[in-house]
C-alpha atoms as a PDB file:
ATOM      1  CA  UNK A   1       0.000   0.000   0.000  1.00  0.00           C
ATOM      2  CA  UNK A   2       2.893   2.352   0.833  1.00  0.00           C
ATOM      3  CA  UNK A   3       4.333   1.837  -2.620  1.00  0.00           C
ATOM      4  CA  UNK A   4       0.934   2.615  -4.170  1.00  0.00           C
ATOM      5  CA  UNK A   5       0.700   5.880  -2.232  1.00  0.00           C
ATOM      6  CA  UNK A   6       4.241   6.814  -3.259  1.00  0.00           C
ATOM      7  CA  UNK A   7       3.397   6.071  -6.889  1.00  0.00           C
ATOM      8  CA  UNK A   8       0.259   8.214  -6.629  1.00  0.00           C
ATOM      9  CA  UNK A   9       2.267  11.100  -5.154  1.00  0.00           C
ATOM     10  CA  UNK A  10       4.844  10.831  -7.932  1.00  0.00           C
ATOM     11  CA  UNK A  11       2.102  10.787 -10.563  1.00  0.00           C
ATOM     12  CA  UNK A  12       0.408  13.844  -9.038  1.00  0.00           C
ATOM     13  CA  UNK A  13       3.725  15.691  -8.811  1.00  0.00           C
ATOM     14  CA  UNK A  14       4.359  14.921 -12.477  1.00  0.00           C
ATOM     15  CA  UNK A  15       0.905  16.197 -13.441  1.00  0.00           C
ATOM     16  CA  UNK A  16       1.546  19.339 -11.430  1.00  0.00           C
ATOM     17  CA  UNK A  17       4.861  19.888 -13.230  1.00  0.00           C
ATOM     18  CA  UNK A  18       3.348  19.401 -16.675  1.00  0.00           C
ATOM     19  CA  UNK A  19       0.416  21.691 -15.890  1.00  0.00           C
ATOM     20  CA  UNK A  20       2.713  24.323 -14.391  1.00  0.00           C
ATOM     21  CA  UNK A  21       4.759  24.264 -17.576  1.00  0.00           C
ATOM     22  CA  UNK A  22       1.649  24.795 -19.699  1.00  0.00           C
ATOM     23  CA  UNK A  23       0.380  27.621 -17.494  1.00  0.00           C
ATOM     24  CA  UNK A  24       3.726  29.423 -17.536  1.00  0.00           C
ATOM     25  CA  UNK A  25       4.060  29.005 -21.295  1.00  0.00           C
ATOM     26  CA  UNK A  26       0.656  30.668 -21.665  1.00  0.00           C
ATOM     27  CA  UNK A  27       0.761  33.366 -18.997  1.00  0.00           C
ATOM     28  CA  UNK A  28       4.293  33.560 -17.624  1.00  0.00           C
ATOM     29  CA  UNK A  29       5.391  33.054 -14.028  1.00  0.00           C
ATOM     30  CA  UNK A  30       3.112  35.812 -12.731  1.00  0.00           C
ATOM     31  CA  UNK A  31       0.105  33.815 -13.949  1.00  0.00           C
ATOM     32  CA  UNK A  32       0.922  30.792 -11.782  1.00  0.00           C
ATOM     33  CA  UNK A  33      -1.590  30.278  -8.982  1.00  0.00           C
ATOM     34  CA  UNK A  34      -1.857  27.362  -6.546  1.00  0.00           C
ATOM     35  CA  UNK A  35      -5.661  27.349  -6.566  1.00  0.00           C
ATOM     36  CA  UNK A  36      -5.878  27.315 -10.360  1.00  0.00           C
ATOM     37  CA  UNK A  37      -3.156  24.670 -10.536  1.00  0.00           C
ATOM     38  CA  UNK A  38      -4.941  22.412  -8.047  1.00  0.00           C
ATOM     39  CA  UNK A  39      -8.194  22.774  -9.983  1.00  0.00           C
ATOM     40  CA  UNK A  40      -6.443  21.928 -13.256  1.00  0.00           C
ATOM     41  CA  UNK A  41      -5.009  18.672 -11.884  1.00  0.00           C
ATOM     42  CA  UNK A  42      -8.234  17.814  -9.999  1.00  0.00           C
ATOM     43  CA  UNK A  43      -7.041  17.922  -6.417  1.00  0.00           C
ATOM     44  CA  UNK A  44      -7.449  20.176  -3.399  1.00  0.00           C
ATOM     45  CA  UNK A  45      -4.992  22.955  -2.601  1.00  0.00           C
ATOM     46  CA  UNK A  46      -4.114  21.100   0.604  1.00  0.00           C
ATOM     47  CA  UNK A  47      -3.282  17.923  -1.330  1.00  0.00           C
ATOM     48  CA  UNK A  48      -1.241  19.944  -3.808  1.00  0.00           C
ATOM     49  CA  UNK A  49       0.913  21.452  -1.068  1.00  0.00           C
ATOM     50  CA  UNK A  50       1.269  18.070   0.641  1.00  0.00           C
ATOM     51  CA  UNK A  51       2.699  16.620  -2.577  1.00  0.00           C
ATOM     52  CA  UNK A  52       4.846  19.510  -3.863  1.00  0.00           C
ATOM     53  CA  UNK A  53       5.828  21.143  -0.583  1.00  0.00           C
ATOM     54  CA  UNK A  54       5.379  24.660  -1.970  1.00  0.00           C
ATOM     55  CA  UNK A  55       5.293  26.488  -5.288  1.00  0.00           C
ATOM     56  CA  UNK A  56       8.990  27.375  -5.001  1.00  0.00           C
ATOM     57  CA  UNK A  57       9.907  23.676  -5.030  1.00  0.00           C
ATOM     58  CA  UNK A  58       7.650  23.047  -8.003  1.00  0.00           C
ATOM     59  CA  UNK A  59       9.105  25.942 -10.005  1.00  0.00           C
ATOM     60  CA  UNK A  60      12.631  24.822  -9.114  1.00  0.00           C
ATOM     61  CA  UNK A  61      11.947  21.363 -10.561  1.00  0.00           C
ATOM     62  CA  UNK A  62      10.375  22.907 -13.645  1.00  0.00           C
ATOM     63  CA  UNK A  63      13.428  25.134 -14.131  1.00  0.00           C
ATOM     64  CA  UNK A  64      15.663  22.098 -13.742  1.00  0.00           C
ATOM     65  CA  UNK A  65      13.837  20.444 -16.638  1.00  0.00           C
ATOM     66  CA  UNK A  66      14.247  23.589 -18.708  1.00  0.00           C
ATOM     67  CA  UNK A  67      17.990  23.461 -17.991  1.00  0.00           C
ATOM     68  CA  UNK A  68      18.036  19.781 -18.993  1.00  0.00           C
ATOM     69  CA  UNK A  69      16.276  20.616 -22.263  1.00  0.00           C
ATOM     70  CA  UNK A  70      18.699  23.471 -22.889  1.00  0.00           C
ATOM     71  CA  UNK A  71      21.694  21.234 -22.236  1.00  0.00           C
ATOM     72  CA  UNK A  72      20.372  18.571 -24.625  1.00  0.00           C
ATOM     73  CA  UNK A  73      19.813  21.216 -27.301  1.00  0.00           C
ATOM     74  CA  UNK A  74      23.252  22.786 -26.907  1.00  0.00           C
ATOM     75  CA  UNK A  75      25.242  19.572 -26.623  1.00  0.00           C
ATOM     76  CA  UNK A  76      23.395  18.145 -29.628  1.00  0.00           C
ATOM     77  CA  UNK A  77      24.209  21.240 -31.688  1.00  0.00           C
ATOM     78  CA  UNK A  78      27.940  20.605 -31.280  1.00  0.00           C
ATOM     79  CA  UNK A  79      28.015  17.118 -32.743  1.00  0.00           C
ATOM     80  CA  UNK A  80      30.190  16.724 -35.832  1.00  0.00           C
ATOM     81  CA  UNK A  81      31.704  20.230 -35.660  1.00  0.00           C
ATOM     82  CA  UNK A  82      35.349  21.145 -35.261  1.00  0.00           C
ATOM     83  CA  UNK A  83      36.186  23.348 -32.301  1.00  0.00           C
ATOM     84  CA  UNK A  84      36.395  26.524 -34.407  1.00  0.00           C
ATOM     85  CA  UNK A  85      32.751  26.160 -35.442  1.00  0.00           C
ATOM     86  CA  UNK A  86      31.428  25.151 -32.053  1.00  0.00           C
ATOM     87  CA  UNK A  87      31.288  28.485 -30.249  1.00  0.00           C
ATOM     88  CA  UNK A  88      29.083  30.391 -32.683  1.00  0.00           C
ATOM     89  CA  UNK A  89      26.912  27.315 -33.172  1.00  0.00           C
ATOM     90  CA  UNK A  90      26.515  27.000 -29.405  1.00  0.00           C
ATOM     91  CA  UNK A  91      25.483  30.651 -29.074  1.00  0.00           C
ATOM     92  CA  UNK A  92      23.099  30.451 -32.046  1.00  0.00           C
ATOM     93  CA  UNK A  93      21.470  27.320 -30.608  1.00  0.00           C
ATOM     94  CA  UNK A  94      21.120  29.055 -27.247  1.00  0.00           C
ATOM     95  CA  UNK A  95      19.443  32.078 -28.814  1.00  0.00           C
ATOM     96  CA  UNK A  96      17.081  29.856 -30.793  1.00  0.00           C
ATOM     97  CA  UNK A  97      16.144  27.984 -27.621  1.00  0.00           C
ATOM     98  CA  UNK A  98      15.377  31.288 -25.894  1.00  0.00           C
ATOM     99  CA  UNK A  99      13.169  32.395 -28.790  1.00  0.00           C
ATOM    100  CA  UNK A 100      11.226  29.131 -28.793  1.00  0.00           C
ATOM    101  CA  UNK A 101      10.863  28.913 -25.002  1.00  0.00           C
ATOM    102  CA  UNK A 102      10.726  32.549 -24.000  1.00  0.00           C
ATOM    103  CA  UNK A 103       8.443  32.283 -20.955  1.00  0.00           C
ATOM    104  CA  UNK A 104      10.173  29.176 -19.607  1.00  0.00           C
ATOM    105  CA  UNK A 105      13.542  30.874 -20.080  1.00  0.00           C
ATOM    106  CA  UNK A 106      12.287  34.008 -18.314  1.00  0.00           C
ATOM    107  CA  UNK A 107      11.128  31.866 -15.404  1.00  0.00           C
ATOM    108  CA  UNK A 108      14.703  30.670 -14.890  1.00  0.00           C
ATOM    109  CA  UNK A 109      15.699  34.210 -13.952  1.00  0.00           C
ATOM    110  CA  UNK A 110      12.462  35.671 -12.589  1.00  0.00           C
ATOM    111  CA  UNK A 111      11.980  33.038  -9.897  1.00  0.00           C
ATOM    112  CA  UNK A 112      13.693  33.735  -6.571  1.00  0.00           C
ATOM    113  CA  UNK A 113      13.958  31.404  -3.613  1.00  0.00           C
ATOM    114  CA  UNK A 114      13.206  32.877  -0.181  1.00  0.00           C
ATOM    115  CA  UNK A 115      16.121  34.887   1.207  1.00  0.00           C
ATOM    116  CA  UNK A 116      18.778  32.698   2.778  1.00  0.00           C
ATOM    117  CA  UNK A 117      17.641  29.507   1.051  1.00  0.00           C
ATOM    118  CA  UNK A 118      20.442  28.156  -1.176  1.00  0.00           C
ATOM    119  CA  UNK A 119      19.978  26.429  -4.494  1.00  0.00           C
ATOM    120  CA  UNK A 120      19.981  22.634  -4.090  1.00  0.00           C
ATOM    121  CA  UNK A 121      23.139  20.874  -5.217  1.00  0.00           C
ATOM    122  CA  UNK A 122      21.236  18.924  -7.899  1.00  0.00           C
ATOM    123  CA  UNK A 123      20.115  22.226  -9.406  1.00  0.00           C
ATOM    124  CA  UNK A 124      23.552  23.821  -9.207  1.00  0.00           C
ATOM    125  CA  UNK A 125      25.002  20.793 -10.992  1.00  0.00           C
ATOM    126  CA  UNK A 126      22.779  21.497 -13.983  1.00  0.00           C
ATOM    127  CA  UNK A 127      24.092  25.061 -14.178  1.00  0.00           C
ATOM    128  CA  UNK A 128      27.683  23.818 -13.915  1.00  0.00           C
ATOM    129  CA  UNK A 129      27.055  21.322 -16.698  1.00  0.00           C
ATOM    130  CA  UNK A 130      25.888  24.102 -19.028  1.00  0.00           C
ATOM    131  CA  UNK A 131      28.833  26.365 -18.254  1.00  0.00           C
ATOM    132  CA  UNK A 132      31.082  23.344 -18.766  1.00  0.00           C
ATOM    133  CA  UNK A 133      30.069  23.185 -22.435  1.00  0.00           C
ATOM    134  CA  UNK A 134      31.363  26.711 -22.980  1.00  0.00           C
ATOM    135  CA  UNK A 135      34.473  26.137 -20.876  1.00  0.00           C
ATOM    136  CA  UNK A 136      35.410  23.130 -22.987  1.00  0.00           C
ATOM    137  CA  UNK A 137      35.076  25.115 -26.217  1.00  0.00           C
ATOM    138  CA  UNK A 138      37.112  28.044 -24.874  1.00  0.00           C
ATOM    139  CA  UNK A 139      39.847  25.697 -23.671  1.00  0.00           C
ATOM    140  CA  UNK A 140      40.016  24.097 -27.124  1.00  0.00           C
ATOM    141  CA  UNK A 141      40.007  27.457 -28.886  1.00  0.00           C
ATOM    142  CA  UNK A 142      42.728  29.056 -26.758  1.00  0.00           C
ATOM    143  CA  UNK A 143      44.781  26.060 -25.693  1.00  0.00           C
ATOM    144  CA  UNK A 144      44.685  27.465 -22.158  1.00  0.00           C
ATOM    145  CA  UNK A 145      44.671  24.839 -19.418  1.00  0.00           C
ATOM    146  CA  UNK A 146      44.109  27.165 -16.462  1.00  0.00           C
ATOM    147  CA  UNK A 147      40.604  26.229 -15.171  1.00  0.00           C
ATOM    148  CA  UNK A 148      40.249  29.465 -13.207  1.00  0.00           C
ATOM    149  CA  UNK A 149      40.854  31.661 -16.255  1.00  0.00           C
ATOM    150  CA  UNK A 150      38.669  29.484 -18.454  1.00  0.00           C
ATOM    151  CA  UNK A 151      35.845  29.787 -15.912  1.00  0.00           C
ATOM    152  CA  UNK A 152      36.245  33.581 -15.771  1.00  0.00           C
ATOM    153  CA  UNK A 153      36.146  33.877 -19.579  1.00  0.00           C
ATOM    154  CA  UNK A 154      33.158  31.543 -19.820  1.00  0.00           C
ATOM    155  CA  UNK A 155      31.304  33.465 -17.116  1.00  0.00           C
ATOM    156  CA  UNK A 156      32.034  36.812 -18.771  1.00  0.00           C
ATOM    157  CA  UNK A 157      30.801  35.588 -22.145  1.00  0.00           C
ATOM    158  CA  UNK A 158      27.649  33.998 -20.698  1.00  0.00           C
ATOM    159  CA  UNK A 159      26.881  37.244 -18.844  1.00  0.00           C
ATOM    160  CA  UNK A 160      27.269  39.222 -22.070  1.00  0.00           C
ATOM    161  CA  UNK A 161      24.995  36.906 -24.027  1.00  0.00           C
ATOM    162  CA  UNK A 162      22.494  36.853 -21.177  1.00  0.00           C
ATOM    163  CA  UNK A 163      22.381  40.633 -21.188  1.00  0.00           C
ATOM    164  CA  UNK A 164      21.387  40.613 -24.850  1.00  0.00           C
ATOM    165  CA  UNK A 165      18.722  37.942 -24.376  1.00  0.00           C
ATOM    166  CA  UNK A 166      17.367  39.574 -21.207  1.00  0.00           C
ATOM    167  CA  UNK A 167      16.918  42.914 -22.970  1.00  0.00           C
ATOM    168  CA  UNK A 168      15.273  41.188 -25.922  1.00  0.00           C
ATOM    169  CA  UNK A 169      13.003  39.186 -23.616  1.00  0.00           C
ATOM    170  CA  UNK A 170      11.901  42.304 -21.749  1.00  0.00           C
ATOM    171  CA  UNK A 171      11.170  44.110 -25.009  1.00  0.00           C
ATOM    172  CA  UNK A 172      13.759  46.789 -24.239  1.00  0.00           C
ATOM    173  CA  UNK A 173      16.437  45.846 -26.745  1.00  0.00           C
ATOM    174  CA  UNK A 174      14.883  48.207 -29.287  1.00  0.00           C
ATOM    175  CA  UNK A 175      15.667  51.153 -27.000  1.00  0.00           C
ATOM    176  CA  UNK A 176      19.357  50.572 -27.671  1.00  0.00           C
ATOM    177  CA  UNK A 177      19.459  49.171 -31.183  1.00  0.00           C
ATOM    178  CA  UNK A 178      17.436  47.917 -34.124  1.00  0.00           C
ATOM    179  CA  UNK A 179      19.795  44.952 -34.569  1.00  0.00           C
ATOM    180  CA  UNK A 180      18.516  41.429 -33.948  1.00  0.00           C
ATOM    181  CA  UNK A 181      19.890  39.639 -30.903  1.00  0.00           C
ATOM    182  CA  UNK A 182      21.563  37.015 -33.156  1.00  0.00           C
ATOM    183  CA  UNK A 183      23.546  39.776 -34.848  1.00  0.00           C
ATOM    184  CA  UNK A 184      24.475  41.384 -31.541  1.00  0.00           C
ATOM    185  CA  UNK A 185      25.602  38.049 -30.138  1.00  0.00           C
ATOM    186  CA  UNK A 186      27.883  37.489 -33.108  1.00  0.00           C
ATOM    187  CA  UNK A 187      29.293  41.022 -32.704  1.00  0.00           C
ATOM    188  CA  UNK A 188      30.096  40.141 -29.106  1.00  0.00           C
ATOM    189  CA  UNK A 189      31.514  36.665 -29.654  1.00  0.00           C
ATOM    190  CA  UNK A 190      33.786  37.332 -32.649  1.00  0.00           C
ATOM    191  CA  UNK A 191      35.969  40.088 -31.116  1.00  0.00           C
ATOM    192  CA  UNK A 192      35.851  38.272 -27.780  1.00  0.00           C
ATOM    193  CA  UNK A 193      37.497  35.215 -29.326  1.00  0.00           C
ATOM    194  CA  UNK A 194      39.974  37.299 -31.312  1.00  0.00           C
ATOM    195  CA  UNK A 195      40.959  39.062 -28.121  1.00  0.00           C
ATOM    196  CA  UNK A 196      41.479  35.773 -26.292  1.00  0.00           C
ATOM    197  CA  UNK A 197      43.569  34.379 -29.150  1.00  0.00           C
ATOM    198  CA  UNK A 198      45.726  37.525 -29.259  1.00  0.00           C
ATOM    199  CA  UNK A 199      46.234  37.417 -25.502  1.00  0.00           C
ATOM    200  CA  UNK A 200      47.263  33.771 -25.652  1.00  0.00           C
ATOM    201  CA  UNK A 201      49.796  34.515 -28.392  1.00  0.00           C
ATOM    202  CA  UNK A 202      51.304  37.368 -26.349  1.00  0.00           C
ATOM    203  CA  UNK A 203      51.687  35.123 -23.313  1.00  0.00           C
ATOM    204  CA  UNK A 204      53.472  32.458 -25.340  1.00  0.00           C
ATOM    205  CA  UNK A 205      55.996  34.898 -26.810  1.00  0.00           C
END
């Protein structure tokens, strides 16, 4: 009987996740409501909270799935390419993912855990795995084996690309420029890589 109850809880949690995804894709994070969610999956609000703990936990698991989907998309986009082609292809695939999953992507950054509550390790590992894709490409491109510097470069580039996508997602990119975010990303990445290559050559001389 205990196994049956555990199975039922897992099934309800899965339904809650799927429904949450649909609701956010339609109305964004601000449209998520526990009462509406419980009604959609045919349970009481009390039962919903018993199964999911709270909405923060549910959103965290949904975001983790978005990160998994993003990782699968990005890692798949690199197959069969030499390292010189990988960086721009990675960035282009990232931008395409953002365009196709705008509200889910926004939820990754709009959701905040209560103050003082750290991200779970299993969630942080998903973030590390994504950054690792970029770190590997930068290490191949530059030949640099210093993990600290590679991490700093990868973080700087991700922050730059995120700034472009965040402005585009908020509808404020047009205040600065009429250029598409794909074009802006390429303008950022190309000189970035040239600068890294030049710096590596100087250090080897």
